[in-house]
Amino acid sequence: MNLFQKTLAKQNTQRPPVWFMRQAGRYHTHYQGLRKQYGFIDLCKIPEVACEVTMGPIRDFGFDAAILFSDLLFPLEAMGMGLKYEPGPALDWYLKSARDLSKLKGGKARASHMDFQAEALHLIKRELSPEKGLIGFVGGPWTLFCYAVDGSHKGELKDSKAGLTDGRWEGFLEQFEELIVENMCIQARCGIDTLAMMDTCAGDLSASEYARYVIPSLKRILNSFSQYFPKLPVTLYTKGTSFEHWGLFDALPVSALGVDWRTPIDRVLSQLSDRFVIQGNVDPEWLFLEPKTLEARLREVFATVKALPKAQLQGWICGLGHGVLPGTPEDNVRLFLKLQKEIFA
C-alpha cells in the first residue's frame, strides 16, 4: 500500500500524507492556463481535461493524493435543475416551494449523467503513480439541498432551514438519495482509495438539528453505499462543526473525518483518532502570510502534533481545514509541503 492507503487503514508509521481540498484550482498557474482554453464545465466534463487539471498539482507540488477535479452540483443538474457558471454556479430554477418538487427527476438511472467522472478517474488512475492516493467526492445531502433552495452555501440559509419542515427536504431526499448512492458507486468502481462526502453547510445547523434532519439521510445513503463497497473507506468532511456534531458520526459507516480549522488539530487527534482517521486542518488563510510567519506557525503546529503518541499520528492526513483560496501564493503551498516532509521525515 502507498502512504495514503496505509494512513486510511491506520497502518502508517511514516510521514503523514498531504493533500489539500481544491489543490487544483484558481490559485495555480497550471489551472489558469487551462481555464483560458476551457469553460469551467468543460474542465469537469471533458475527461482528458479533468484528468489534466487533477494531475497538475501532483506534478507541481508533490501532494500524496489526487482528488478528482469535478463539482458538487452535477447531481442537481442530473435532477433537472440545470447548471451554468456565470462565473459562480447558477441553476435554472430553485426549490422555492413544495410545488417545485414535481419538477425534480431522481433515481438511480439519473446518475448516468455523471459517467464523465468515471472516464476521468480511469484516465487519472492510469497516469497517477502507484505511490499516490486517489480520492473521489460528492456533496452531502444537506449542502446540495441548500444549493437547490438558496443557490449558495453562504448567508443564513433561512429558506433552506424553512425547507426542512415544509416538505421540501423530504421531497428532495426522495429524488436525491438513490441518485447520489449510484454516483458514489460510479466513482468507487474506478479504484479510488476513499470516497469523500463534502458537507460544507453542516455547521449552519445546530447539532440537534443535524441529528434530527440530516443524520437519518446520511445513514440511508452511507449504509446503502457500504452494501456495494463495504471495504472502501468513506471520508465525511463537515465545515463549521465541532465535537457535538462529530459525536453523531459514530452511528455512520464513516472511516475518516475531515475537520475545519476552528479546532486545534492536536485536540482533534487526541479525542477522535481512536475512532476515525482525521483529515485537516490548517487555516487556508495562513497561506497568505509572509513566508517567515507562515513557517513559524506551521512549525509550531507540526511540532505539537509530532509530540502526540504515535498511535494518534497513524491516522492523520495532513492538510487544510477547507479548500485552497484563490490568490494563494504558490510558493507558500510549496513551503507547506517542504516543511511537512522535513519535519515528519
C-alpha atoms as a PDB file:
ATOM      1  CA  MET A   1       0.000   0.000   0.000  1.00  0.00           C
ATOM      2  CA  ASN A   2       1.070   3.574  -0.571  1.00  0.00           C
ATOM      3  CA  LEU A   3       1.374   6.185   2.154  1.00  0.00           C
ATOM      4  CA  PHE A   4      -2.188   7.443   1.711  1.00  0.00           C
ATOM      5  CA  GLN A   5      -3.711   3.953   1.740  1.00  0.00           C
ATOM      6  CA  LYS A   6      -1.715   2.969   4.835  1.00  0.00           C
ATOM      7  CA  THR A   7      -2.994   6.039   6.652  1.00  0.00           C
ATOM      8  CA  LEU A   8      -6.593   5.289   5.754  1.00  0.00           C
ATOM      9  CA  ALA A   9      -6.012   1.835   7.236  1.00  0.00           C
ATOM     10  CA  LYS A  10      -4.242   3.347  10.301  1.00  0.00           C
ATOM     11  CA  GLN A  11      -1.108   1.395   9.451  1.00  0.00           C
ATOM     12  CA  ASN A  12       1.133   4.359   8.688  1.00  0.00           C
ATOM     13  CA  THR A  13       4.273   4.654  10.804  1.00  0.00           C
ATOM     14  CA  GLN A  14       5.948   7.023   8.337  1.00  0.00           C
ATOM     15  CA  ARG A  15       5.312  10.659   7.416  1.00  0.00           C
ATOM     16  CA  PRO A  16       1.608  11.655   7.345  1.00  0.00           C
ATOM     17  CA  PRO A  17       0.401  12.128   3.755  1.00  0.00           C
ATOM     18  CA  VAL A  18      -0.673  15.576   2.497  1.00  0.00           C
ATOM     19  CA  TRP A  19      -3.464  16.637   0.209  1.00  0.00           C
ATOM     20  CA  PHE A  20      -5.433  19.888   0.018  1.00  0.00           C
ATOM     21  CA  MET A  21      -9.061  20.406  -0.841  1.00  0.00           C
ATOM     22  CA  ARG A  22      -9.166  22.439  -4.077  1.00  0.00           C
ATOM     23  CA  GLN A  23      -5.481  21.723  -4.660  1.00  0.00           C
ATOM     24  CA  ALA A  24      -6.348  22.045  -8.350  1.00  0.00           C
ATOM     25  CA  GLY A  25      -7.862  25.488  -8.619  1.00  0.00           C
ATOM     26  CA  ARG A  26      -7.685  29.161  -9.384  1.00  0.00           C
ATOM     27  CA  TYR A  27      -4.523  29.870  -7.383  1.00  0.00           C
ATOM     28  CA  HIS A  28      -2.480  27.522  -9.610  1.00  0.00           C
ATOM     29  CA  THR A  29      -0.763  28.690 -12.809  1.00  0.00           C
ATOM     30  CA  HIS A  30      -1.400  25.310 -14.425  1.00  0.00           C
ATOM     31  CA  TYR A  31      -5.141  25.645 -13.798  1.00  0.00           C
ATOM     32  CA  GLN A  32      -5.184  29.250 -15.011  1.00  0.00           C
ATOM     33  CA  GLY A  33      -3.638  28.193 -18.306  1.00  0.00           C
ATOM     34  CA  LEU A  34      -6.282  25.542 -18.886  1.00  0.00           C
ATOM     35  CA  ARG A  35      -9.056  27.903 -17.789  1.00  0.00           C
ATOM     36  CA  LYS A  36      -8.093  30.246 -20.645  1.00  0.00           C
ATOM     37  CA  GLN A  37      -8.856  27.432 -23.072  1.00  0.00           C
ATOM     38  CA  TYR A  38     -11.948  25.864 -21.491  1.00  0.00           C
ATOM     39  CA  GLY A  39     -15.066  26.902 -19.616  1.00  0.00           C
ATOM     40  CA  PHE A  40     -15.410  25.529 -16.103  1.00  0.00           C
ATOM     41  CA  ILE A  41     -17.982  22.900 -17.048  1.00  0.00           C
ATOM     42  CA  ASP A  42     -15.724  21.680 -19.859  1.00  0.00           C
ATOM     43  CA  LEU A  43     -12.850  21.397 -17.370  1.00  0.00           C
ATOM     44  CA  CYS A  44     -15.031  18.979 -15.418  1.00  0.00           C
ATOM     45  CA  LYS A  45     -16.877  17.163 -18.182  1.00  0.00           C
ATOM     46  CA  ILE A  46     -14.169  16.533 -20.781  1.00  0.00           C
ATOM     47  CA  PRO A  47     -12.415  13.543 -19.183  1.00  0.00           C
ATOM     48  CA  GLU A  48      -8.996  14.240 -20.692  1.00  0.00           C
ATOM     49  CA  VAL A  49      -9.127  17.835 -19.452  1.00  0.00           C
ATOM     50  CA  ALA A  50     -10.391  16.866 -15.990  1.00  0.00           C
ATOM     51  CA  CYS A  51      -7.501  14.414 -15.770  1.00  0.00           C
ATOM     52  CA  GLU A  52      -5.006  17.118 -16.736  1.00  0.00           C
ATOM     53  CA  VAL A  53      -6.416  19.562 -14.162  1.00  0.00           C
ATOM     54  CA  THR A  54      -6.286  16.872 -11.474  1.00  0.00           C
ATOM     55  CA  MET A  55      -2.696  15.913 -12.259  1.00  0.00           C
ATOM     56  CA  GLY A  56      -1.321  19.475 -12.378  1.00  0.00           C
ATOM     57  CA  PRO A  57      -0.771  19.942  -8.628  1.00  0.00           C
ATOM     58  CA  ILE A  58       0.501  16.368  -8.257  1.00  0.00           C
ATOM     59  CA  ARG A  59       3.284  17.072 -10.742  1.00  0.00           C
ATOM     60  CA  ASP A  60       3.976  20.596  -9.492  1.00  0.00           C
ATOM     61  CA  PHE A  61       3.768  20.317  -5.705  1.00  0.00           C
ATOM     62  CA  GLY A  62       4.103  16.599  -4.973  1.00  0.00           C
ATOM     63  CA  PHE A  63       0.902  16.060  -3.000  1.00  0.00           C
ATOM     64  CA  ASP A  64       0.436  12.500  -1.754  1.00  0.00           C
ATOM     65  CA  ALA A  65      -3.061  12.110  -3.168  1.00  0.00           C
ATOM     66  CA  ALA A  66      -5.011  13.349  -6.181  1.00  0.00           C
ATOM     67  CA  ILE A  67      -8.668  14.314  -5.903  1.00  0.00           C
ATOM     68  CA  LEU A  68     -10.951  14.127  -8.909  1.00  0.00           C
ATOM     69  CA  PHE A  69     -11.491  17.568 -10.424  1.00  0.00           C
ATOM     70  CA  SER A  70     -15.246  17.937 -10.610  1.00  0.00           C
ATOM     71  CA  ASP A  71     -18.034  19.850  -8.901  1.00  0.00           C
ATOM     72  CA  LEU A  72     -20.546  19.090  -6.153  1.00  0.00           C
ATOM     73  CA  LEU A  73     -23.520  20.357  -8.108  1.00  0.00           C
ATOM     74  CA  PHE A  74     -23.720  17.984 -11.053  1.00  0.00           C
ATOM     75  CA  PRO A  75     -26.308  15.795  -9.258  1.00  0.00           C
ATOM     76  CA  LEU A  76     -28.639  18.826  -9.215  1.00  0.00           C
ATOM     77  CA  GLU A  77     -28.156  19.187 -12.952  1.00  0.00           C
ATOM     78  CA  ALA A  78     -28.955  15.480 -13.294  1.00  0.00           C
ATOM     79  CA  MET A  79     -32.151  16.100 -11.313  1.00  0.00           C
ATOM     80  CA  GLY A  80     -33.325  18.548 -13.985  1.00  0.00           C
ATOM     81  CA  MET A  81     -32.354  21.826 -12.302  1.00  0.00           C
ATOM     82  CA  GLY A  82     -29.882  22.925 -14.982  1.00  0.00           C
ATOM     83  CA  LEU A  83     -26.437  24.293 -14.191  1.00  0.00           C
ATOM     84  CA  LYS A  84     -24.249  27.069 -15.518  1.00  0.00           C
ATOM     85  CA  TYR A  85     -21.375  29.186 -14.205  1.00  0.00           C
ATOM     86  CA  GLU A  86     -21.528  32.984 -14.531  1.00  0.00           C
ATOM     87  CA  PRO A  87     -18.785  32.653 -13.188  1.00  0.00           C
ATOM     88  CA  GLY A  88     -20.296  31.239  -9.990  1.00  0.00           C
ATOM     89  CA  PRO A  89     -22.841  28.407 -10.135  1.00  0.00           C
ATOM     90  CA  ALA A  90     -26.438  29.155 -11.080  1.00  0.00           C
ATOM     91  CA  LEU A  91     -29.354  26.766 -11.512  1.00  0.00           C
ATOM     92  CA  ASP A  92     -32.208  27.260 -13.943  1.00  0.00           C
ATOM     93  CA  TRP A  93     -34.734  27.182 -11.107  1.00  0.00           C
ATOM     94  CA  TYR A  94     -34.819  26.677  -7.333  1.00  0.00           C
ATOM     95  CA  LEU A  95     -36.935  24.795  -4.802  1.00  0.00           C
ATOM     96  CA  LYS A  96     -38.843  27.804  -3.555  1.00  0.00           C
ATOM     97  CA  SER A  97     -41.967  25.890  -2.549  1.00  0.00           C
ATOM     98  CA  ALA A  98     -43.169  22.315  -2.243  1.00  0.00           C
ATOM     99  CA  ARG A  99     -44.837  22.745  -5.637  1.00  0.00           C
ATOM    100  CA  ASP A 100     -41.402  22.791  -7.252  1.00  0.00           C
ATOM    101  CA  LEU A 101     -40.738  19.207  -6.131  1.00  0.00           C
ATOM    102  CA  SER A 102     -42.790  17.904  -9.054  1.00  0.00           C
ATOM    103  CA  LYS A 103     -40.086  19.168 -11.430  1.00  0.00           C
ATOM    104  CA  LEU A 104     -37.317  17.077  -9.849  1.00  0.00           C
ATOM    105  CA  LYS A 105     -36.115  13.939 -11.602  1.00  0.00           C
ATOM    106  CA  GLY A 106     -34.393  11.457  -9.348  1.00  0.00           C
ATOM    107  CA  GLY A 107     -33.484   7.829  -9.004  1.00  0.00           C
ATOM    108  CA  LYS A 108     -30.531   5.594  -9.763  1.00  0.00           C
ATOM    109  CA  ALA A 109     -30.727   5.935 -13.542  1.00  0.00           C
ATOM    110  CA  ARG A 110     -30.172   9.697 -13.391  1.00  0.00           C
ATOM    111  CA  ALA A 111     -26.643   9.104 -12.089  1.00  0.00           C
ATOM    112  CA  SER A 112     -25.560   8.166 -15.613  1.00  0.00           C
ATOM    113  CA  HIS A 113     -25.289  11.948 -16.132  1.00  0.00           C
ATOM    114  CA  MET A 114     -22.075  11.696 -14.061  1.00  0.00           C
ATOM    115  CA  ASP A 115     -20.443   8.987 -16.196  1.00  0.00           C
ATOM    116  CA  PHE A 116     -17.879  11.585 -17.283  1.00  0.00           C
ATOM    117  CA  GLN A 117     -16.464  11.336 -13.756  1.00  0.00           C
ATOM    118  CA  ALA A 118     -15.748   7.646 -14.272  1.00  0.00           C
ATOM    119  CA  GLU A 119     -13.999   8.316 -17.566  1.00  0.00           C
ATOM    120  CA  ALA A 120     -11.839  10.979 -15.925  1.00  0.00           C
ATOM    121  CA  LEU A 121     -10.996   8.716 -12.979  1.00  0.00           C
ATOM    122  CA  HIS A 122      -9.897   5.906 -15.302  1.00  0.00           C
ATOM    123  CA  LEU A 123      -7.525   8.325 -17.036  1.00  0.00           C
ATOM    124  CA  ILE A 124      -6.222   9.686 -13.733  1.00  0.00           C
ATOM    125  CA  LYS A 125      -5.694   6.178 -12.393  1.00  0.00           C
ATOM    126  CA  ARG A 126      -3.677   5.308 -15.488  1.00  0.00           C
ATOM    127  CA  GLU A 127      -1.429   8.350 -15.137  1.00  0.00           C
ATOM    128  CA  LEU A 128      -1.128   8.531 -11.355  1.00  0.00           C
ATOM    129  CA  SER A 129       1.918   6.946  -9.724  1.00  0.00           C
ATOM    130  CA  PRO A 130       1.124   3.929  -7.512  1.00  0.00           C
ATOM    131  CA  GLU A 131       2.762   5.912  -4.725  1.00  0.00           C
ATOM    132  CA  LYS A 132      -0.120   8.413  -4.793  1.00  0.00           C
ATOM    133  CA  GLY A 133      -3.643   8.026  -3.434  1.00  0.00           C
ATOM    134  CA  LEU A 134      -6.834   8.793  -5.347  1.00  0.00           C
ATOM    135  CA  ILE A 135      -9.907  10.482  -3.902  1.00  0.00           C
ATOM    136  CA  GLY A 136     -13.419  10.695  -5.296  1.00  0.00           C
ATOM    137  CA  PHE A 137     -16.059  13.008  -3.865  1.00  0.00           C
ATOM    138  CA  VAL A 138     -19.706  14.010  -3.792  1.00  0.00           C
ATOM    139  CA  GLY A 139     -21.699  16.640  -1.941  1.00  0.00           C
ATOM    140  CA  GLY A 140     -23.682  15.823   1.166  1.00  0.00           C
ATOM    141  CA  PRO A 141     -27.495  15.898   1.023  1.00  0.00           C
ATOM    142  CA  TRP A 142     -27.878  18.967   3.254  1.00  0.00           C
ATOM    143  CA  THR A 143     -25.329  21.010   1.308  1.00  0.00           C
ATOM    144  CA  LEU A 144     -26.880  20.135  -2.045  1.00  0.00           C
ATOM    145  CA  PHE A 145     -30.327  20.933  -0.672  1.00  0.00           C
ATOM    146  CA  CYS A 146     -29.042  24.374   0.350  1.00  0.00           C
ATOM    147  CA  TYR A 147     -27.813  24.971  -3.182  1.00  0.00           C
ATOM    148  CA  ALA A 148     -31.117  23.706  -4.598  1.00  0.00           C
ATOM    149  CA  VAL A 149     -33.069  26.134  -2.400  1.00  0.00           C
ATOM    150  CA  ASP A 150     -30.822  29.144  -1.780  1.00  0.00           C
ATOM    151  CA  GLY A 151     -28.414  28.788  -4.703  1.00  0.00           C
ATOM    152  CA  SER A 152     -25.408  29.105  -2.408  1.00  0.00           C
ATOM    153  CA  HIS A 153     -23.851  27.894   0.828  1.00  0.00           C
ATOM    154  CA  LYS A 154     -23.407  31.461   2.069  1.00  0.00           C
ATOM    155  CA  GLY A 155     -25.582  33.578   4.327  1.00  0.00           C
ATOM    156  CA  GLU A 156     -28.076  32.455   6.911  1.00  0.00           C
ATOM    157  CA  LEU A 157     -29.775  29.885   4.634  1.00  0.00           C
ATOM    158  CA  LYS A 158     -33.170  30.854   6.080  1.00  0.00           C
ATOM    159  CA  ASP A 159     -35.113  29.403   3.162  1.00  0.00           C
ATOM    160  CA  SER A 160     -33.201  26.119   3.285  1.00  0.00           C
ATOM    161  CA  LYS A 161     -33.863  25.810   7.009  1.00  0.00           C
ATOM    162  CA  ALA A 162     -37.549  26.511   6.422  1.00  0.00           C
ATOM    163  CA  GLY A 163     -37.488  23.762   3.812  1.00  0.00           C
ATOM    164  CA  LEU A 164     -36.621  21.211   6.487  1.00  0.00           C
ATOM    165  CA  THR A 165     -40.154  21.401   7.875  1.00  0.00           C
ATOM    166  CA  ASP A 166     -42.380  22.369   4.929  1.00  0.00           C
ATOM    167  CA  GLY A 167     -41.982  19.189   2.892  1.00  0.00           C
ATOM    168  CA  ARG A 168     -39.198  20.295   0.583  1.00  0.00           C
ATOM    169  CA  TRP A 169     -36.436  18.409   2.436  1.00  0.00           C
ATOM    170  CA  GLU A 170     -38.267  15.080   2.463  1.00  0.00           C
ATOM    171  CA  GLY A 171     -39.357  15.521  -1.152  1.00  0.00           C
ATOM    172  CA  PHE A 172     -35.833  16.376  -2.228  1.00  0.00           C
ATOM    173  CA  LEU A 173     -34.378  13.329  -0.463  1.00  0.00           C
ATOM    174  CA  GLU A 174     -36.870  11.019  -2.157  1.00  0.00           C
ATOM    175  CA  GLN A 175     -35.399  12.014  -5.508  1.00  0.00           C
ATOM    176  CA  PHE A 176     -31.799  12.501  -4.370  1.00  0.00           C
ATOM    177  CA  GLU A 177     -30.714   9.559  -2.254  1.00  0.00           C
ATOM    178  CA  GLU A 178     -30.691   6.724  -4.809  1.00  0.00           C
ATOM    179  CA  LEU A 179     -29.072   9.042  -7.334  1.00  0.00           C
ATOM    180  CA  ILE A 180     -26.209  10.059  -5.045  1.00  0.00           C
ATOM    181  CA  VAL A 181     -25.581   6.464  -3.944  1.00  0.00           C
ATOM    182  CA  GLU A 182     -25.182   5.453  -7.585  1.00  0.00           C
ATOM    183  CA  ASN A 183     -22.975   8.497  -8.225  1.00  0.00           C
ATOM    184  CA  MET A 184     -20.763   7.286  -5.375  1.00  0.00           C
ATOM    185  CA  CYS A 185     -20.711   3.787  -6.849  1.00  0.00           C
ATOM    186  CA  ILE A 186     -19.748   5.145 -10.281  1.00  0.00           C
ATOM    187  CA  GLN A 187     -16.633   6.630  -8.720  1.00  0.00           C
ATOM    188  CA  ALA A 188     -15.938   3.674  -6.438  1.00  0.00           C
ATOM    189  CA  ARG A 189     -15.833   1.274  -9.400  1.00  0.00           C
ATOM    190  CA  CYS A 190     -12.840   3.231 -10.726  1.00  0.00           C
ATOM    191  CA  GLY A 191     -10.458   2.173  -7.967  1.00  0.00           C
ATOM    192  CA  ILE A 192     -10.462   5.243  -5.721  1.00  0.00           C
ATOM    193  CA  ASP A 193      -8.922   4.913  -2.256  1.00  0.00           C
ATOM    194  CA  THR A 194     -11.609   6.877  -0.436  1.00  0.00           C
ATOM    195  CA  LEU A 195     -14.933   8.474  -1.300  1.00  0.00           C
ATOM    196  CA  ALA A 196     -15.220  11.896   0.332  1.00  0.00           C
ATOM    197  CA  MET A 197     -18.621  13.390   1.086  1.00  0.00           C
ATOM    198  CA  MET A 198     -18.359  17.159   1.460  1.00  0.00           C
ATOM    199  CA  ASP A 199     -20.996  18.751   3.704  1.00  0.00           C
ATOM    200  CA  THR A 200     -19.842  22.356   3.810  1.00  0.00           C
ATOM    201  CA  CYS A 201     -23.178  23.630   5.158  1.00  0.00           C
ATOM    202  CA  ALA A 202     -23.224  21.263   8.149  1.00  0.00           C
ATOM    203  CA  GLY A 203     -22.279  23.960  10.654  1.00  0.00           C
ATOM    204  CA  ASP A 204     -25.280  26.075   9.688  1.00  0.00           C
ATOM    205  CA  LEU A 205     -27.403  23.624  11.661  1.00  0.00           C
ATOM    206  CA  SER A 206     -27.082  23.013  15.385  1.00  0.00           C
ATOM    207  CA  ALA A 207     -26.006  19.525  16.395  1.00  0.00           C
ATOM    208  CA  SER A 208     -29.576  18.733  17.466  1.00  0.00           C
ATOM    209  CA  GLU A 209     -30.972  19.931  14.128  1.00  0.00           C
ATOM    210  CA  TYR A 210     -28.320  17.983  12.250  1.00  0.00           C
ATOM    211  CA  ALA A 211     -29.156  14.867  14.271  1.00  0.00           C
ATOM    212  CA  ARG A 212     -32.864  15.243  13.611  1.00  0.00           C
ATOM    213  CA  TYR A 213     -32.856  16.086   9.936  1.00  0.00           C
ATOM    214  CA  VAL A 214     -29.550  15.132   8.295  1.00  0.00           C
ATOM    215  CA  ILE A 215     -28.188  12.091  10.125  1.00  0.00           C
ATOM    216  CA  PRO A 216     -31.108   9.840   9.054  1.00  0.00           C
ATOM    217  CA  SER A 217     -30.428  10.663   5.391  1.00  0.00           C
ATOM    218  CA  LEU A 218     -26.679  10.134   5.813  1.00  0.00           C
ATOM    219  CA  LYS A 219     -27.384   6.755   7.409  1.00  0.00           C
ATOM    220  CA  ARG A 220     -29.537   5.655   4.490  1.00  0.00           C
ATOM    221  CA  ILE A 221     -27.058   6.883   1.877  1.00  0.00           C
ATOM    222  CA  LEU A 222     -23.898   5.574   3.517  1.00  0.00           C
ATOM    223  CA  ASN A 223     -25.402   2.248   4.615  1.00  0.00           C
ATOM    224  CA  SER A 224     -26.659   1.678   1.085  1.00  0.00           C
ATOM    225  CA  PHE A 225     -23.268   2.544  -0.383  1.00  0.00           C
ATOM    226  CA  SER A 226     -21.440   0.302   2.080  1.00  0.00           C
ATOM    227  CA  GLN A 227     -23.517  -2.653   0.916  1.00  0.00           C
ATOM    228  CA  TYR A 228     -21.924  -2.255  -2.517  1.00  0.00           C
ATOM    229  CA  PHE A 229     -18.423  -1.278  -1.337  1.00  0.00           C
ATOM    230  CA  PRO A 230     -18.022  -2.481   2.266  1.00  0.00           C
ATOM    231  CA  LYS A 231     -14.225  -2.153   2.238  1.00  0.00           C
ATOM    232  CA  LEU A 232     -13.930   1.311   0.687  1.00  0.00           C
ATOM    233  CA  PRO A 233     -13.238   3.994   3.330  1.00  0.00           C
ATOM    234  CA  VAL A 234     -15.663   6.911   3.358  1.00  0.00           C
ATOM    235  CA  THR A 235     -14.436  10.354   4.409  1.00  0.00           C
ATOM    236  CA  LEU A 236     -17.008  12.829   5.728  1.00  0.00           C
ATOM    237  CA  TYR A 237     -15.991  16.476   5.744  1.00  0.00           C
ATOM    238  CA  THR A 238     -18.147  18.960   7.633  1.00  0.00           C
ATOM    239  CA  LYS A 239     -17.446  22.659   7.893  1.00  0.00           C
ATOM    240  CA  GLY A 240     -18.295  24.782  10.928  1.00  0.00           C
ATOM    241  CA  THR A 241     -18.728  21.775  13.208  1.00  0.00           C
ATOM    242  CA  SER A 242     -17.090  20.563  16.407  1.00  0.00           C
ATOM    243  CA  PHE A 243     -17.255  17.706  18.871  1.00  0.00           C
ATOM    244  CA  GLU A 244     -21.008  17.931  19.401  1.00  0.00           C
ATOM    245  CA  HIS A 245     -21.610  17.284  15.697  1.00  0.00           C
ATOM    246  CA  TRP A 246     -18.761  14.793  15.359  1.00  0.00           C
ATOM    247  CA  GLY A 247     -20.207  12.645  18.126  1.00  0.00           C
ATOM    248  CA  LEU A 248     -23.175  11.976  15.856  1.00  0.00           C
ATOM    249  CA  PHE A 249     -20.964  10.285  13.283  1.00  0.00           C
ATOM    250  CA  ASP A 250     -20.265   7.225  15.437  1.00  0.00           C
ATOM    251  CA  ALA A 251     -23.548   5.861  14.105  1.00  0.00           C
ATOM    252  CA  LEU A 252     -22.397   6.169  10.477  1.00  0.00           C
ATOM    253  CA  PRO A 253     -20.187   3.843   8.386  1.00  0.00           C
ATOM    254  CA  VAL A 254     -17.512   6.539   8.127  1.00  0.00           C
ATOM    255  CA  SER A 255     -13.785   5.827   8.363  1.00  0.00           C
ATOM    256  CA  ALA A 256     -12.348   9.345   8.175  1.00  0.00           C
ATOM    257  CA  LEU A 257     -13.408  12.804   9.292  1.00  0.00           C
ATOM    258  CA  GLY A 258     -12.366  15.987   7.541  1.00  0.00           C
ATOM    259  CA  VAL A 259     -12.338  18.858  10.035  1.00  0.00           C
ATOM    260  CA  ASP A 260     -12.056  22.595   9.535  1.00  0.00           C
ATOM    261  CA  TRP A 261      -9.520  24.923  11.165  1.00  0.00           C
ATOM    262  CA  ARG A 262     -11.588  26.062  14.148  1.00  0.00           C
ATOM    263  CA  THR A 263     -10.464  23.262  16.486  1.00  0.00           C
ATOM    264  CA  PRO A 264      -6.732  22.674  17.074  1.00  0.00           C
ATOM    265  CA  ILE A 265      -5.627  19.555  15.230  1.00  0.00           C
ATOM    266  CA  ASP A 266      -3.800  18.066  18.213  1.00  0.00           C
ATOM    267  CA  ARG A 267      -7.030  18.251  20.232  1.00  0.00           C
ATOM    268  CA  VAL A 268      -8.986  16.574  17.426  1.00  0.00           C
ATOM    269  CA  LEU A 269      -6.406  13.807  17.115  1.00  0.00           C
ATOM    270  CA  SER A 270      -6.248  13.300  20.875  1.00  0.00           C
ATOM    271  CA  GLN A 271     -10.008  12.862  21.199  1.00  0.00           C
ATOM    272  CA  LEU A 272     -11.081  11.273  17.914  1.00  0.00           C
ATOM    273  CA  SER A 273      -8.178   9.323  16.424  1.00  0.00           C
ATOM    274  CA  ASP A 274      -9.247   6.152  18.228  1.00  0.00           C
ATOM    275  CA  ARG A 275     -12.460   6.212  16.179  1.00  0.00           C
ATOM    276  CA  PHE A 276     -11.613   7.953  12.912  1.00  0.00           C
ATOM    277  CA  VAL A 277      -8.813   8.795  10.542  1.00  0.00           C
ATOM    278  CA  ILE A 278      -8.571  12.601  10.706  1.00  0.00           C
ATOM    279  CA  GLN A 279      -8.007  14.909   7.725  1.00  0.00           C
ATOM    280  CA  GLY A 280      -7.090  18.553   8.238  1.00  0.00           C
ATOM    281  CA  ASN A 281      -6.839  21.250   9.311  1.00  0.00           C
ATOM    282  CA  VAL A 282      -4.576  24.318   8.836  1.00  0.00           C
ATOM    283  CA  ASP A 283      -6.478  27.568   8.251  1.00  0.00           C
ATOM    284  CA  PRO A 284      -6.380  28.281   4.477  1.00  0.00           C
ATOM    285  CA  GLU A 285      -5.919  31.970   5.283  1.00  0.00           C
ATOM    286  CA  TRP A 286      -2.493  31.176   6.722  1.00  0.00           C
ATOM    287  CA  LEU A 287      -1.211  30.589   3.211  1.00  0.00           C
ATOM    288  CA  PHE A 288      -1.481  34.346   2.593  1.00  0.00           C
ATOM    289  CA  LEU A 289       1.015  35.124   5.365  1.00  0.00           C
ATOM    290  CA  GLU A 290       4.567  36.226   4.761  1.00  0.00           C
ATOM    291  CA  PRO A 291       6.710  33.098   4.337  1.00  0.00           C
ATOM    292  CA  LYS A 292       8.615  33.582   7.604  1.00  0.00           C
ATOM    293  CA  THR A 293       5.383  33.978   9.565  1.00  0.00           C
ATOM    294  CA  LEU A 294       3.799  31.018   7.811  1.00  0.00           C
ATOM    295  CA  GLU A 295       6.844  28.864   8.503  1.00  0.00           C
ATOM    296  CA  ALA A 296       6.820  29.766  12.198  1.00  0.00           C
ATOM    297  CA  ARG A 297       3.129  28.902  12.552  1.00  0.00           C
ATOM    298  CA  LEU A 298       3.452  25.636  10.652  1.00  0.00           C
ATOM    299  CA  ARG A 299       6.492  24.576  12.639  1.00  0.00           C
ATOM    300  CA  GLU A 300       4.568  25.203  15.856  1.00  0.00           C
ATOM    301  CA  VAL A 301       1.549  23.167  14.719  1.00  0.00           C
ATOM    302  CA  PHE A 302       3.638  20.342  13.318  1.00  0.00           C
ATOM    303  CA  ALA A 303       5.751  20.164  16.484  1.00  0.00           C
ATOM    304  CA  THR A 304       2.613  19.955  18.626  1.00  0.00           C
ATOM    305  CA  VAL A 305       1.247  17.136  16.502  1.00  0.00           C
ATOM    306  CA  LYS A 306       4.568  15.309  16.354  1.00  0.00           C
ATOM    307  CA  ALA A 307       4.660  15.228  20.143  1.00  0.00           C
ATOM    308  CA  LEU A 308       1.442  13.184  20.281  1.00  0.00           C
ATOM    309  CA  PRO A 309       1.562   9.424  20.864  1.00  0.00           C
ATOM    310  CA  LYS A 310       2.434   7.510  17.699  1.00  0.00           C
ATOM    311  CA  ALA A 311      -0.946   5.763  17.665  1.00  0.00           C
ATOM    312  CA  GLN A 312      -2.683   9.125  17.222  1.00  0.00           C
ATOM    313  CA  LEU A 313      -0.460  10.019  14.266  1.00  0.00           C
ATOM    314  CA  GLN A 314      -1.011   6.797  12.332  1.00  0.00           C
ATOM    315  CA  GLY A 315      -4.379   8.012  11.093  1.00  0.00           C
ATOM    316  CA  TRP A 316      -3.657  11.666  10.317  1.00  0.00           C
ATOM    317  CA  ILE A 317      -3.932  13.047   6.781  1.00  0.00           C
ATOM    318  CA  CYS A 318      -2.291  16.465   6.856  1.00  0.00           C
ATOM    319  CA  GLY A 319      -3.948  19.327   5.018  1.00  0.00           C
ATOM    320  CA  LEU A 320      -6.122  22.400   5.229  1.00  0.00           C
ATOM    321  CA  GLY A 321      -9.383  22.930   7.057  1.00  0.00           C
ATOM    322  CA  HIS A 322     -11.042  23.885   3.773  1.00  0.00           C
ATOM    323  CA  GLY A 323     -10.051  24.499   0.170  1.00  0.00           C
ATOM    324  CA  VAL A 324      -7.075  26.465  -1.129  1.00  0.00           C
ATOM    325  CA  LEU A 325      -8.306  30.033  -1.628  1.00  0.00           C
ATOM    326  CA  PRO A 326      -7.998  31.944  -4.927  1.00  0.00           C
ATOM    327  CA  GLY A 327      -4.902  34.111  -4.977  1.00  0.00           C
ATOM    328  CA  THR A 328      -2.951  31.883  -2.600  1.00  0.00           C
ATOM    329  CA  PRO A 329       0.788  32.232  -3.374  1.00  0.00           C
ATOM    330  CA  GLU A 330       2.080  29.042  -4.960  1.00  0.00           C
ATOM    331  CA  ASP A 331       5.369  29.420  -3.102  1.00  0.00           C
ATOM    332  CA  ASN A 332       3.522  29.135   0.202  1.00  0.00           C
ATOM    333  CA  VAL A 333       1.954  25.862  -0.948  1.00  0.00           C
ATOM    334  CA  ARG A 334       5.453  24.626  -1.750  1.00  0.00           C
ATOM    335  CA  LEU A 335       6.685  25.835   1.635  1.00  0.00           C
ATOM    336  CA  PHE A 336       3.913  23.913   3.416  1.00  0.00           C
ATOM    337  CA  LEU A 337       4.832  20.629   1.726  1.00  0.00           C
ATOM    338  CA  LYS A 338       8.560  21.195   2.117  1.00  0.00           C
ATOM    339  CA  LEU A 339       8.258  21.812   5.856  1.00  0.00           C
ATOM    340  CA  GLN A 340       5.822  18.943   6.400  1.00  0.00           C
ATOM    341  CA  LYS A 341       8.116  16.476   4.672  1.00  0.00           C
ATOM    342  CA  GLU A 342      11.160  17.830   6.514  1.00  0.00           C
ATOM    343  CA  ILE A 343       9.597  17.778   9.990  1.00  0.00           C
ATOM    344  CA  PHE A 344       7.901  14.384   9.725  1.00  0.00           C
ATOM    345  CA  ALA A 345      10.634  12.653   7.718  1.00  0.00           C
END
